Amino acid sequence: MLSVFPKKGLLKCALLNIFNKLKCSTTCILYFSVFIYLFIISILYLC
């Protein structure tokens, strides 16, 4: 739980790297939407 905050910066860098490599292709958009979905679910679960 406590390791979530430092990972936010790493996730942002990882997402930027994925965007640069895939150039926002369908795969990139798919992974991004899944990430957002899991992020929202985790927020709702924690609340």
Protein backbone atom coordinates (compact mmCIF):
# COMPACT_ATOMS: atom_id res chain seq x y z
CA MET A 1 0.00 0.00 0.00
CA LEU A 2 2.75 2.47 0.97
CA SER A 3 4.70 1.76 -2.23
CA VAL A 4 1.88 3.13 -4.40
CA PHE A 5 3.05 6.77 -4.25
CA PRO A 6 6.64 6.30 -5.55
CA LYS A 7 5.30 4.05 -8.31
CA LYS A 8 3.10 6.83 -9.71
CA GLY A 9 6.12 8.59 -11.22
CA LEU A 10 7.48 5.31 -12.58
CA LEU A 11 4.12 4.45 -14.12
CA LYS A 12 3.96 7.86 -15.77
CA CYS A 13 7.42 7.34 -17.28
CA ALA A 14 6.49 3.82 -18.37
CA LEU A 15 3.30 5.07 -20.02
CA LEU A 16 5.25 7.78 -21.85
CA ASN A 17 7.72 5.16 -23.06
CA ILE A 18 4.87 2.95 -24.28
CA PHE A 19 3.26 5.90 -26.08
CA ASN A 20 6.56 6.77 -27.77
CA LYS A 21 7.27 3.18 -28.84
CA LEU A 22 3.81 2.37 -30.15
CA LYS A 23 3.02 5.92 -31.32
CA CYS A 24 -0.54 5.69 -29.92
CA SER A 25 -1.50 2.70 -32.02
CA THR A 26 -4.56 0.58 -31.25
CA THR A 27 -2.48 -1.55 -28.87
CA CYS A 28 -1.32 1.57 -27.02
CA ILE A 29 -4.88 2.84 -26.65
CA LEU A 30 -6.04 -0.60 -25.50
CA TYR A 31 -3.36 -0.88 -22.81
CA PHE A 32 -4.03 2.70 -21.70
CA SER A 33 -7.79 2.12 -21.38
CA VAL A 34 -7.18 -1.08 -19.39
CA PHE A 35 -4.79 0.83 -17.12
CA ILE A 36 -7.36 3.59 -16.54
CA TYR A 37 -10.06 0.98 -15.88
CA LEU A 38 -7.94 -0.82 -13.28
CA PHE A 39 -6.96 2.52 -11.73
CA ILE A 40 -10.62 3.55 -11.31
CA ILE A 41 -11.57 0.13 -9.93
CA SER A 42 -8.73 0.30 -7.37
CA ILE A 43 -9.80 3.80 -6.27
CA LEU A 44 -13.40 2.66 -5.83
CA TYR A 45 -12.19 -0.43 -3.95
CA LEU A 46 -10.02 1.61 -1.58
CA CYS A 47 -12.85 4.06 -0.88
